Every structure is written in C-alpha cells, then in structure tokens.
C-alpha cells in the first residue's frame, strides 16, 4: 500500500472510533500524538482505537490524544483533517447522543455541564493550563530544533575530521540561523497563544536579537544582542498582547489600524529594552549557572532525582515547565545537559517492560503489547509502554522510575567528573537522541556515556521490576493463559467460564 493511502486508511479507521466528524471540535498534533477536541467523550471507543495497527495508545487529558509516534502523526493528521471536513460537508446534522431520539436542550446542557466539570476538576488547574500554554509556544519549534541540531552535530564531526572544509561554513550557517532568530519565533507563537496579533509579538521579540541594541545602555550596562533570549521574548510578547488588548478597548475604531500596532510595539518595545532584556538575561544566566552547579556538585545524586522523578512529572503534565529551560540552555551553551539525564526515564521504562514480559510468560495479551511497543520504547516513545503496561499494573511503573533513577545517576556522575553530556535539541529521546548528542570532551566520550546510561537504565529497570515489581496476588491475577478458555469455547460452541490458574488473562486495562 502506498504511504499516502496507508496514512489515509489510518485516519479513516480512527475517525468513526472517536464519534465521527461531527464529534470533532479541534485537531492538532505534537511530536507523537494526534490531539483532538471532542464534543462528547462518551462516543469514543477506546478499546477499538487501541486495536488500530498504527495506534500505540491513547491518553484522555484536556484533549483526547492518540499516540501514533514521530513521523506518522505528521502524515496522518492532514489526512484526518480532510476526512473531518468531508464528513462535516456530507453530514446534515450531528447526533451527540448516538441515538435516533434527539436530546432536549436541558439534557444537552446537563450532559455538557457534567463533562465540563469532570474535565475541569481533572485537568484545568490554573498552573497546568499555564504550562500547556507554554508548551504550545515551544512544541511547534521542535522540528526546527531537531533539524538544526542534527546539522550542527554533522558539521562538528566534519570540522573535527577536517573533511569538506568548503562545505562546513555553509552547514554552520544552516545550523545557527534558526537559533539566532529563535526569539522572533517564540514571540510570534506567544502572541498567538495568548490571543494577540502574532506578527506584533514577533516584531517586539525581534528587538532582542537586533544587533543595534549593542549601542543601548540599561541599568548602567551595555545591552548585547540576544540578551534575555527566549525568556525575554516570551515576556515581551505577553506584554505586547496586553498592550494590544488595552488599545483595542480604548482606541477609536477609525484610528485603530494606525494607533494600536504603533503603541503596542512602542510601549512593549521600550519596556523590553530598558527592563525585560536585562531581567530576563539575569534569569537566563542564573538558569545556566544553576544547571552547571547542580550537575557539577550534585552529580549522581542530582541525576538520580531527575531521572527517577521525570516520569511522574510527565504523568502530572509538569514536565512542560522544563521546555523553556531546555531552550535557554541550548541558546547559552549550545546544548541542554538536562535532557540526556531525563531520557534515562525511558530506559527504565524499557527495562521494566522486558521484565514484565518474562514475569508473565502465560499472559499472551500483555506480551503482545510489549513486543509491539518495545521498538518505539527504544526510540524514546514511551507512551505505549506507560499507558499499556507499567502504569495500569502499578508496581512496574514505580520500578521503571527506579531504572530511570539509576541511569540518571550514571550520566550525572560523569557530569560531576567534568564530562558534560548534552543534547542540541529537545524532543527525541532513547536511541533517537544519539544524532543530537554534544558535550565538552568529544563526540566519542559523549556517546559512550549516554549509551552507558541507557544500558544502566535498562538493567536497573529490569532487575527492579523482575524482583520487586510483582506481588504474589498480582502474579496470580495476571500470569494466566487464555488458551484453555479458547479451546473450551471451540469444543462446545459457547464460551465457558474458567477460574483458578487457567482463568483468561487480564490486560492491564481490565484492572
């Protein structure tokens, strides 16, 4: 099947299982997930979705998220959008209740209020909503960070080898061009996310990287182009949004097109130059200094905490707060020393999944899930293993965190010894992070340390899960075979209940 046909087939398989085109209110995607806003979550068929070959898992958060994996999601999403548009054009009216009898207005209102209250109680805390906004600003930049990061790594390798000397300057320009202007893109996305005019946010953020600011003095010091970085751009764009909204309320409509953009850029620009650039620069410097201090002095202990607690942070959605920190470190140092340590959490998850596979030799369902999800896990896509195996089982999720802690401690220990291991971009993890690695002692040493950390994470996650991940009750419940039930059904023509050690195996989702 052609790739385009395959992607359309995947989209076509997903659409009816989320309630059809009429039930879809919004469509977006990140690195690995198709994110859908849905009118009625009760119309979603979770189990059927998980059975679609391309679907690695589902996550019910503020949006309904279908895990498709990197690359695939970017190709399936446009096909899904086309199908939704076609479905809306052909369908006369949606039927949210899924029945022929229409709901009354009161019933619809009650149903909507219940769903809204449930989602709000679960996900919509102000802090988490703020973090999601921050993530929405930086996630669209990840493809460019990855592409430029890989080119930077290739260029560094060629420079060290003395090869293609006439080409390396061009590669350096390609790798550095985006990072030189990243503040502009952050400003654009920030204004868009906070409800302002995106181009005005970009215009104000562009002040930060303009070379002419070197002639300006603030707080008794000369400014430098790029001072404040992405944090300054974010603050400048948020300020621009508030100034613009104030102008929209008070400026007469006849003058709005002239006065509002002028005042927005002027006011927020002056505050940025004579305040935000200096303050954000100090904060950015403090972040870099603290990261260096943490790993230089905390070493293995800091790595153990970071690697061990990253998965719980992901589950709570708090990992999004790290995105601007990573980006700031990449701006300052050329790489983020935090990401390789945090990536060890995925290694612990892989090791734990392999242990589950061996501890439940009679549960064909779980073993099939693990076999299908392990390749993605090795490449840093952990959702299928988290939501399909370790988290529902309980203890294996904790022992997976133990594996991540040991892997993080290994990488952190070498950071304490002076061997910094960093990533030139954010997004990838696991084996997919190898092309983006950088450090202060050569690529070979950096790769060896990171690879060693992965091996430690795999081994620690396996050992912790194999020996401590299962209670006797959990083993009794899950280490059972489905085959006797199947043979009984075949012989009699009807399913027969089976109990005891030969009972049908449960999947984690049935717990």
Protein backbone atom coordinates (compact mmCIF):
# COMPACT_ATOMS: atom_id res chain seq x y z
CA UNK A 1 0.00 0.00 0.00
CA UNK A 2 1.32 3.46 -0.87
CA UNK A 3 2.36 5.58 2.11
CA UNK A 4 -0.32 8.21 1.39
CA UNK A 5 -3.01 5.51 1.16
CA UNK A 6 -1.75 3.95 4.39
CA UNK A 7 -1.96 7.25 6.26
CA UNK A 8 -5.45 7.92 4.91
CA UNK A 9 -6.51 4.41 5.90
CA UNK A 10 -5.26 5.03 9.44
CA UNK A 11 -7.17 8.32 9.60
CA UNK A 12 -10.27 6.63 8.21
CA UNK A 13 -10.01 3.91 10.86
CA UNK A 14 -9.67 6.44 13.68
CA UNK A 15 -12.46 8.85 12.72
CA UNK A 16 -15.53 6.68 13.38
CA UNK A 17 -14.00 5.45 16.64
CA UNK A 18 -13.90 9.00 18.06
CA UNK A 19 -17.55 9.66 17.23
CA UNK A 20 -17.25 10.78 13.61
CA UNK A 21 -16.60 14.17 12.08
CA UNK A 22 -19.48 15.82 13.91
CA UNK A 23 -17.92 14.97 17.27
CA UNK A 24 -14.54 16.58 16.48
CA UNK A 25 -14.19 20.20 17.61
CA UNK A 26 -10.45 20.72 17.12
CA UNK A 27 -7.46 18.93 15.58
CA UNK A 28 -3.78 19.39 16.40
CA UNK A 29 -0.69 17.25 16.81
CA UNK A 30 2.62 17.29 18.68
CA UNK A 31 5.70 15.13 18.16
CA UNK A 32 3.92 11.83 18.72
CA UNK A 33 0.21 12.39 19.36
CA UNK A 34 -2.89 13.37 17.40
CA UNK A 35 -4.72 15.72 19.79
CA UNK A 36 -8.48 16.00 19.33
CA UNK A 37 -11.04 18.25 20.95
CA UNK A 38 -14.26 16.25 21.20
CA UNK A 39 -17.83 17.33 21.92
CA UNK A 40 -18.80 14.08 23.60
CA UNK A 41 -16.14 11.78 25.09
CA UNK A 42 -18.70 9.01 25.63
CA UNK A 43 -18.75 8.35 21.87
CA UNK A 44 -15.08 7.33 21.87
CA UNK A 45 -14.35 3.59 21.55
CA UNK A 46 -11.08 3.30 23.47
CA UNK A 47 -10.51 -0.43 23.05
CA UNK A 48 -11.24 -0.35 19.33
CA UNK A 49 -8.87 2.59 18.89
CA UNK A 50 -6.06 0.76 20.67
CA UNK A 51 -6.60 -2.15 18.27
CA UNK A 52 -5.91 0.02 15.19
CA UNK A 53 -2.47 -1.13 13.95
CA UNK A 54 -0.91 2.34 13.79
CA UNK A 55 -2.21 3.40 17.22
CA UNK A 56 0.31 2.93 20.05
CA UNK A 57 -2.01 4.11 22.81
CA UNK A 58 -4.49 6.76 23.91
CA UNK A 59 -4.40 9.44 26.60
CA UNK A 60 -7.54 11.15 27.90
CA UNK A 61 -6.44 14.61 29.03
CA UNK A 62 -7.75 18.10 28.29
CA UNK A 63 -7.72 16.89 24.68
CA UNK A 64 -8.17 13.29 23.56
CA UNK A 65 -4.69 12.19 22.49
CA UNK A 66 -3.99 9.28 20.14
CA UNK A 67 -0.35 8.14 20.20
CA UNK A 68 0.85 7.46 16.65
CA UNK A 69 4.59 8.03 17.03
CA UNK A 70 7.00 10.53 15.46
CA UNK A 71 6.73 10.94 11.71
CA UNK A 72 3.47 9.02 11.45
CA UNK A 73 1.43 11.62 13.32
CA UNK A 74 2.58 14.41 11.00
CA UNK A 75 1.36 12.41 7.99
CA UNK A 76 -1.88 11.09 9.42
CA UNK A 77 -3.10 14.44 10.79
CA UNK A 78 -3.61 16.16 7.38
CA UNK A 79 -5.50 13.10 6.13
CA UNK A 80 -7.63 13.13 9.27
CA UNK A 81 -8.39 16.83 8.78
CA UNK A 82 -9.50 16.16 5.20
CA UNK A 83 -11.80 13.36 6.30
CA UNK A 84 -13.33 15.53 9.02
CA UNK A 85 -14.01 18.30 6.51
CA UNK A 86 -15.56 15.82 4.08
CA UNK A 87 -17.66 14.30 6.85
CA UNK A 88 -18.96 17.65 8.00
CA UNK A 89 -19.87 18.61 4.47
CA UNK A 90 -21.84 15.41 3.87
CA UNK A 91 -23.48 15.02 7.29
CA UNK A 92 -26.71 17.01 7.73
CA UNK A 93 -26.53 17.20 11.50
CA UNK A 94 -24.59 15.60 14.34
CA UNK A 95 -26.26 13.25 16.82
CA UNK A 96 -24.25 13.62 20.02
CA UNK A 97 -26.29 11.05 21.90
CA UNK A 98 -25.72 8.37 19.30
CA UNK A 99 -29.46 7.57 19.14
CA UNK A 100 -32.39 8.42 16.92
CA UNK A 101 -34.20 10.36 19.64
CA UNK A 102 -32.73 13.85 19.97
CA UNK A 103 -31.84 15.12 23.40
CA UNK A 104 -33.70 18.08 24.78
CA UNK A 105 -31.87 21.34 25.32
CA UNK A 106 -31.94 20.74 29.07
CA UNK A 107 -30.44 17.25 28.68
CA UNK A 108 -27.73 18.53 26.38
CA UNK A 109 -26.91 21.34 28.79
CA UNK A 110 -26.76 18.92 31.72
CA UNK A 111 -24.57 16.48 29.80
CA UNK A 112 -22.22 19.26 28.72
CA UNK A 113 -22.03 20.67 32.23
CA UNK A 114 -21.13 17.26 33.68
CA UNK A 115 -18.40 16.67 31.11
CA UNK A 116 -17.02 20.16 31.56
CA UNK A 117 -16.97 19.84 35.34
CA UNK A 118 -15.25 16.46 35.19
CA UNK A 119 -12.56 17.66 32.82
CA UNK A 120 -12.07 20.88 34.73
CA UNK A 121 -11.65 19.05 38.03
CA UNK A 122 -9.17 16.65 36.47
CA UNK A 123 -7.05 18.85 34.24
CA UNK A 124 -7.84 22.52 34.25
CA UNK A 125 -5.93 23.80 37.25
CA UNK A 126 -4.54 27.28 36.52
CA UNK A 127 -0.97 26.08 36.81
CA UNK A 128 -1.46 23.17 34.39
CA UNK A 129 -3.30 25.41 31.94
CA UNK A 130 -0.41 27.86 32.09
CA UNK A 131 2.10 25.07 31.46
CA UNK A 132 0.09 23.87 28.48
CA UNK A 133 0.23 27.35 27.05
CA UNK A 134 3.98 27.40 27.48
CA UNK A 135 4.20 24.01 25.77
CA UNK A 136 2.03 25.26 22.90
CA UNK A 137 4.55 28.05 22.34
CA UNK A 138 7.64 25.83 22.17
CA UNK A 139 6.40 22.49 20.78
CA UNK A 140 5.93 23.88 17.23
CA UNK A 141 9.63 24.86 17.27
CA UNK A 142 10.86 21.32 17.98
CA UNK A 143 11.13 20.14 14.33
CA UNK A 144 13.43 23.07 13.53
CA UNK A 145 15.46 22.45 16.70
CA UNK A 146 15.90 18.81 15.74
CA UNK A 147 16.84 19.52 12.12
CA UNK A 148 19.30 22.27 13.00
CA UNK A 149 20.68 20.21 15.89
CA UNK A 150 21.47 17.24 13.66
CA UNK A 151 23.10 19.53 11.09
CA UNK A 152 25.17 21.10 13.90
CA UNK A 153 26.31 17.64 15.02
CA UNK A 154 27.22 16.66 11.46
CA UNK A 155 29.10 19.91 10.99
CA UNK A 156 31.04 19.42 14.23
CA UNK A 157 32.04 15.93 13.14
CA UNK A 158 33.25 17.18 9.75
CA UNK A 159 35.20 20.04 11.35
CA UNK A 160 36.90 17.66 13.81
CA UNK A 161 37.84 15.30 10.97
CA UNK A 162 38.96 18.16 8.70
CA UNK A 163 36.66 16.99 5.91
CA UNK A 164 34.71 19.11 3.39
CA UNK A 165 36.19 22.37 4.64
CA UNK A 166 34.44 24.33 1.90
CA UNK A 167 31.04 22.99 2.99
CA UNK A 168 31.28 23.28 6.77
CA UNK A 169 30.76 27.09 6.86
CA UNK A 170 27.50 26.62 4.97
CA UNK A 171 26.42 23.87 7.39
CA UNK A 172 27.28 26.15 10.31
CA UNK A 173 25.03 28.84 8.85
CA UNK A 174 22.18 26.37 8.43
CA UNK A 175 22.59 25.07 11.97
CA UNK A 176 22.88 28.51 13.59
CA UNK A 177 20.42 30.58 11.57
CA UNK A 178 17.31 29.38 13.36
CA UNK A 179 18.85 29.65 16.82
CA UNK A 180 19.95 33.20 16.06
CA UNK A 181 16.32 34.16 15.43
CA UNK A 182 14.51 31.78 17.76
CA UNK A 183 13.37 34.70 19.91
CA UNK A 184 11.30 36.00 16.99
CA UNK A 185 9.50 32.67 16.58
CA UNK A 186 8.89 32.44 20.32
CA UNK A 187 7.41 35.95 20.30
CA UNK A 188 5.17 35.09 17.35
CA UNK A 189 3.86 31.90 18.96
CA UNK A 190 3.43 33.58 22.35
CA UNK A 191 1.23 36.35 20.96
CA UNK A 192 -0.80 33.77 19.05
CA UNK A 193 -1.28 31.60 22.14
CA UNK A 194 -2.29 34.50 24.41
CA UNK A 195 -4.80 35.96 21.97
CA UNK A 196 -2.83 38.81 20.38
CA UNK A 197 -1.68 39.54 16.86
CA UNK A 198 1.17 37.07 16.22
CA UNK A 199 3.23 39.34 13.99
CA UNK A 200 3.25 42.08 16.64
CA UNK A 201 4.60 39.58 19.17
CA UNK A 202 7.31 38.63 16.69
CA UNK A 203 8.10 42.29 15.99
CA UNK A 204 8.63 43.09 19.66
CA UNK A 205 10.68 39.94 20.24
CA UNK A 206 12.85 40.81 17.23
CA UNK A 207 14.18 43.79 19.20
CA UNK A 208 16.04 41.34 21.44
CA UNK A 209 18.15 39.91 18.60
CA UNK A 210 18.62 43.20 16.69
CA UNK A 211 22.38 43.99 16.55
CA UNK A 212 21.72 47.69 17.20
CA UNK A 213 20.79 47.08 20.84
CA UNK A 214 24.54 46.87 21.50
CA UNK A 215 24.53 50.69 21.39
CA UNK A 216 21.93 50.96 24.15
CA UNK A 217 22.69 51.14 27.87
CA UNK A 218 20.32 49.87 30.58
CA UNK A 219 20.96 49.63 34.33
CA UNK A 220 24.42 51.01 33.76
CA UNK A 221 25.39 48.24 31.35
CA UNK A 222 25.56 47.94 27.58
CA UNK A 223 22.98 45.54 26.20
CA UNK A 224 24.06 42.71 23.94
CA UNK A 225 22.06 41.23 21.04
CA UNK A 226 20.13 38.20 22.22
CA UNK A 227 20.32 39.17 25.88
CA UNK A 228 17.37 37.60 27.68
CA UNK A 229 16.88 35.02 24.93
CA UNK A 230 13.65 33.09 24.70
CA UNK A 231 12.55 34.11 28.20
CA UNK A 232 12.84 37.76 27.27
CA UNK A 233 10.98 37.13 24.01
CA UNK A 234 8.21 35.34 25.86
CA UNK A 235 7.81 38.17 28.37
CA UNK A 236 7.97 40.84 25.67
CA UNK A 237 5.29 39.15 23.59
CA UNK A 238 2.97 38.64 26.57
CA UNK A 239 3.34 42.34 27.39
CA UNK A 240 2.61 43.20 23.77
CA UNK A 241 -0.62 41.17 23.91
CA UNK A 242 -1.84 43.06 26.97
CA UNK A 243 -0.93 46.43 25.47
CA UNK A 244 -2.70 45.50 22.24
CA UNK A 245 -5.85 44.38 24.08
CA UNK A 246 -5.88 47.62 26.06
CA UNK A 247 -5.60 49.60 22.83
CA UNK A 248 -8.44 47.62 21.22
CA UNK A 249 -10.70 48.65 24.10
CA UNK A 250 -9.85 52.35 24.22
CA UNK A 251 -8.62 53.47 20.79
CA UNK A 252 -11.41 54.72 18.47
CA UNK A 253 -12.17 52.25 15.68
CA UNK A 254 -11.27 54.79 12.99
CA UNK A 255 -7.74 55.09 14.41
CA UNK A 256 -7.26 51.50 15.49
CA UNK A 257 -5.37 50.32 12.41
CA UNK A 258 -2.75 53.07 12.91
CA UNK A 259 -2.59 53.63 16.65
CA UNK A 260 -2.88 50.10 18.08
CA UNK A 261 0.12 48.45 16.36
CA UNK A 262 2.22 51.58 16.89
CA UNK A 263 1.50 51.83 20.61
CA UNK A 264 1.89 48.05 21.03
CA UNK A 265 5.38 47.99 19.55
CA UNK A 266 6.40 51.30 21.14
CA UNK A 267 5.31 50.63 24.72
CA UNK A 268 6.26 46.97 24.89
CA UNK A 269 9.47 47.67 22.96
CA UNK A 270 10.61 50.34 25.42
CA UNK A 271 9.83 48.10 28.40
CA UNK A 272 11.69 45.25 26.70
CA UNK A 273 14.80 47.32 26.01
CA UNK A 274 15.00 49.12 29.33
CA UNK A 275 13.76 46.34 31.58
CA UNK A 276 12.92 42.91 30.27
CA UNK A 277 16.15 42.27 28.38
CA UNK A 278 18.23 42.92 31.47
CA UNK A 279 15.98 40.98 33.88
CA UNK A 280 15.48 38.04 31.52
CA UNK A 281 19.20 37.99 30.82
CA UNK A 282 19.93 37.68 34.53
CA UNK A 283 17.34 34.89 34.88
CA UNK A 284 18.72 33.04 31.86
CA UNK A 285 22.26 33.29 33.20
CA UNK A 286 21.06 32.03 36.59
CA UNK A 287 19.40 29.01 34.94
CA UNK A 288 22.59 28.08 33.13
CA UNK A 289 24.71 28.62 36.24
CA UNK A 290 22.35 26.56 38.39
CA UNK A 291 22.24 23.67 35.90
CA UNK A 292 26.03 23.59 35.77
CA UNK A 293 26.30 23.84 39.55
CA UNK A 294 23.67 21.15 40.12
CA UNK A 295 25.43 18.56 37.98
CA UNK A 296 28.95 19.62 38.97
CA UNK A 297 28.19 19.32 42.68
CA UNK A 298 25.14 17.07 42.86
CA UNK A 299 26.38 14.69 40.18
CA UNK A 300 24.98 11.22 40.68
CA UNK A 301 22.51 12.38 43.34
CA UNK A 302 21.05 15.07 41.09
CA UNK A 303 20.88 12.64 38.18
CA UNK A 304 19.16 10.05 40.36
CA UNK A 305 16.43 12.51 41.39
CA UNK A 306 15.95 13.94 37.89
CA UNK A 307 15.87 10.54 36.18
CA UNK A 308 13.70 8.96 38.85
CA UNK A 309 11.02 11.62 39.08
CA UNK A 310 10.71 12.57 35.42
CA UNK A 311 8.01 10.01 34.60
CA UNK A 312 5.75 11.21 37.46
CA UNK A 313 6.29 14.77 36.22
CA UNK A 314 5.18 13.65 32.76
CA UNK A 315 2.08 11.98 34.22
CA UNK A 316 1.18 15.23 36.00
CA UNK A 317 1.93 17.37 32.94
CA UNK A 318 4.55 19.34 34.89
CA UNK A 319 7.39 18.38 32.54
CA UNK A 320 6.20 21.16 30.24
CA UNK A 321 7.80 23.67 32.61
CA UNK A 322 11.20 22.31 31.54
CA UNK A 323 10.79 23.24 27.86
CA UNK A 324 11.85 26.90 28.16
CA UNK A 325 14.69 25.82 30.47
CA UNK A 326 15.99 23.38 27.85
CA UNK A 327 15.70 26.04 25.16
CA UNK A 328 17.54 28.60 27.30
CA UNK A 329 20.40 26.17 27.93
CA UNK A 330 20.65 25.38 24.20
CA UNK A 331 20.81 29.11 23.48
CA UNK A 332 23.54 29.70 26.05
CA UNK A 333 25.70 26.59 25.84
CA UNK A 334 24.74 25.01 22.53
CA UNK A 335 23.15 22.02 24.29
CA UNK A 336 20.99 21.15 27.29
CA UNK A 337 22.67 18.94 29.88
CA UNK A 338 19.32 18.05 31.44
CA UNK A 339 17.71 16.16 28.56
CA UNK A 340 20.12 13.17 28.41
CA UNK A 341 19.55 12.60 32.14
CA UNK A 342 15.78 12.88 31.82
CA UNK A 343 15.90 10.50 28.84
CA UNK A 344 17.01 7.78 31.26
CA UNK A 345 13.40 7.61 32.49
CA UNK A 346 12.51 6.00 29.17
CA UNK A 347 15.35 3.49 29.57
CA UNK A 348 13.94 2.42 32.93
CA UNK A 349 10.56 2.00 31.28
CA UNK A 350 12.01 -0.29 28.60
CA UNK A 351 13.85 -2.41 31.17
CA UNK A 352 10.69 -2.72 33.27
CA UNK A 353 8.64 -3.77 30.24
CA UNK A 354 11.13 -6.51 29.36
CA UNK A 355 10.94 -7.78 32.95
CA UNK A 356 7.13 -7.81 32.77
CA UNK A 357 7.41 -9.83 29.57
CA UNK A 358 9.46 -12.52 31.34
CA UNK A 359 7.46 -12.44 34.58
CA UNK A 360 4.15 -13.04 32.78
CA UNK A 361 5.03 -15.84 30.35
CA UNK A 362 1.43 -17.11 30.18
CA UNK A 363 -0.29 -13.78 29.54
CA UNK A 364 -0.26 -13.57 25.75
CA UNK A 365 -2.14 -10.26 25.66
CA UNK A 366 0.35 -8.28 27.72
CA UNK A 367 3.30 -9.93 25.98
CA UNK A 368 1.91 -8.94 22.57
CA UNK A 369 1.51 -5.36 23.76
CA UNK A 370 5.10 -5.27 24.99
CA UNK A 371 6.52 -6.78 21.80
CA UNK A 372 4.70 -4.24 19.65
CA UNK A 373 5.62 -1.27 21.87
CA UNK A 374 9.27 -2.06 22.61
CA UNK A 375 10.70 -0.78 19.28
CA UNK A 376 9.05 2.59 19.89
CA UNK A 377 10.27 2.49 23.50
CA UNK A 378 13.88 2.03 22.41
CA UNK A 379 13.44 5.09 20.18
CA UNK A 380 12.17 7.18 23.08
CA UNK A 381 8.40 6.95 22.53
CA UNK A 382 7.30 5.68 25.91
CA UNK A 383 3.55 6.25 25.95
CA UNK A 384 2.54 2.76 24.72
CA UNK A 385 4.59 1.09 27.47
CA UNK A 386 3.50 3.56 30.15
CA UNK A 387 -0.24 3.53 29.44
CA UNK A 388 -0.44 -0.01 28.11
CA UNK A 389 1.75 -1.89 30.59
CA UNK A 390 3.52 -0.34 33.57
CA UNK A 391 1.11 2.32 34.83
CA UNK A 392 -2.00 0.09 34.94
CA UNK A 393 -0.02 -2.64 36.70
CA UNK A 394 1.12 -0.20 39.38
CA UNK A 395 4.35 -1.54 40.85
CA UNK A 396 6.17 -1.85 37.49
CA UNK A 397 5.67 1.87 36.97
CA UNK A 398 7.49 2.55 40.24
CA UNK A 399 10.29 0.12 39.42
CA UNK A 400 10.59 1.71 35.97
CA UNK A 401 11.22 5.01 37.77
CA UNK A 402 13.94 3.24 39.77
CA UNK A 403 15.59 2.23 36.50
CA UNK A 404 15.44 5.81 35.28
CA UNK A 405 16.97 6.98 38.56
CA UNK A 406 19.98 4.67 38.19
CA UNK A 407 20.50 5.67 34.56
CA UNK A 408 20.27 9.35 35.51
CA UNK A 409 22.75 8.80 38.34
CA UNK A 410 25.22 7.24 35.88
CA UNK A 411 25.11 10.22 33.50
CA UNK A 412 25.09 12.68 36.39
CA UNK A 413 28.17 11.06 37.89
CA UNK A 414 30.18 11.70 34.72
CA UNK A 415 28.89 15.28 34.63
CA UNK A 416 30.33 15.69 38.12
CA UNK A 417 33.65 14.38 36.84
CA UNK A 418 33.63 17.11 34.19
CA UNK A 419 32.28 15.15 31.21
CA UNK A 420 29.21 17.16 30.20
CA UNK A 421 26.68 15.23 28.11
CA UNK A 422 24.09 17.36 26.34
CA UNK A 423 21.56 17.45 23.54
CA UNK A 424 21.49 20.14 20.85
CA UNK A 425 17.67 19.89 20.56
CA UNK A 426 14.63 18.78 22.52
CA UNK A 427 12.01 16.24 21.57
CA UNK A 428 13.80 12.96 20.76
CA UNK A 429 14.85 10.51 23.44
CA UNK A 430 16.24 6.99 23.69
CA UNK A 431 18.27 5.87 20.69
CA UNK A 432 16.84 8.74 18.65
CA UNK A 433 18.88 11.16 20.77
CA UNK A 434 22.26 9.82 19.60
CA UNK A 435 22.47 12.10 16.49
CA UNK A 436 21.81 15.16 18.69
CA UNK A 437 24.40 14.50 21.39
CA UNK A 438 27.11 17.03 22.16
CA UNK A 439 29.48 17.61 25.04
CA UNK A 440 32.76 19.12 26.17
CA UNK A 441 35.06 16.11 25.68
CA UNK A 442 34.47 14.90 22.16
CA UNK A 443 31.64 13.03 20.50
CA UNK A 444 33.03 9.58 21.25
CA UNK A 445 33.10 10.11 25.02
CA UNK A 446 29.66 11.74 24.93
CA UNK A 447 28.11 8.83 23.04
CA UNK A 448 29.80 6.30 25.35
CA UNK A 449 28.47 7.98 28.50
CA UNK A 450 24.95 8.35 27.16
CA UNK A 451 24.93 4.78 25.84
CA UNK A 452 26.22 3.55 29.18
CA UNK A 453 23.43 5.41 30.94
CA UNK A 454 20.84 3.73 28.71
CA UNK A 455 22.30 0.30 29.48
CA UNK A 456 22.26 1.05 33.22
CA UNK A 457 18.66 2.24 32.95
CA UNK A 458 17.61 -0.89 31.04
CA UNK A 459 19.36 -3.19 33.51
CA UNK A 460 18.18 -1.42 36.68
CA UNK A 461 14.60 -1.20 35.40
CA UNK A 462 14.67 -4.91 34.54
CA UNK A 463 16.17 -6.04 37.85
CA UNK A 464 13.93 -3.82 40.00
CA UNK A 465 10.80 -4.95 38.15
CA UNK A 466 11.71 -8.62 37.92
CA UNK A 467 12.41 -8.98 41.64
CA UNK A 468 10.23 -6.27 43.20
CA UNK A 469 7.62 -5.34 40.58
CA UNK A 470 5.06 -8.05 41.35
CA UNK A 471 3.29 -9.15 44.49
CA UNK A 472 2.02 -12.74 44.73
CA UNK A 473 -1.54 -11.53 44.18
CA UNK A 474 -0.54 -9.59 41.07
CA UNK A 475 1.25 -12.60 39.61
CA UNK A 476 -1.71 -14.87 40.38
CA UNK A 477 -4.06 -12.45 38.70
CA UNK A 478 -2.05 -11.76 35.55
CA UNK A 479 0.22 -14.73 34.89
CA UNK A 480 -2.55 -16.88 33.43
CA UNK A 481 -3.25 -18.25 29.98
CA UNK A 482 -6.11 -17.51 27.61
CA UNK A 483 -5.79 -20.74 25.62
CA UNK A 484 -7.88 -23.10 27.83
CA UNK A 485 -10.81 -20.72 27.58
CA UNK A 486 -10.42 -20.60 23.83
CA UNK A 487 -10.30 -24.40 23.48
CA UNK A 488 -13.40 -24.83 25.66
CA UNK A 489 -15.31 -22.37 23.55
CA UNK A 490 -14.26 -24.18 20.39
CA UNK A 491 -15.35 -27.58 21.67
CA UNK A 492 -18.76 -26.57 22.93
CA UNK A 493 -19.57 -23.72 20.63
CA UNK A 494 -20.15 -21.40 23.55
CA UNK A 495 -17.70 -19.64 25.83
CA UNK A 496 -17.21 -21.37 29.14
CA UNK A 497 -16.17 -19.53 32.28
CA UNK A 498 -12.77 -20.55 33.54
CA UNK A 499 -11.49 -19.87 37.03
CA UNK A 500 -8.36 -20.52 39.02
CA UNK A 501 -4.87 -20.61 37.48
CA UNK A 502 -6.28 -21.26 34.00
CA UNK A 503 -8.58 -18.25 34.00
CA UNK A 504 -8.40 -15.96 30.94
CA UNK A 505 -5.57 -13.49 31.21
CA UNK A 506 -6.41 -9.95 32.08
CA UNK A 507 -4.83 -6.99 30.39
CA UNK A 508 -3.74 -4.01 32.49
CA UNK A 509 -6.69 -2.03 31.13
CA UNK A 510 -9.06 -4.52 32.79
CA UNK A 511 -7.67 -3.95 36.27
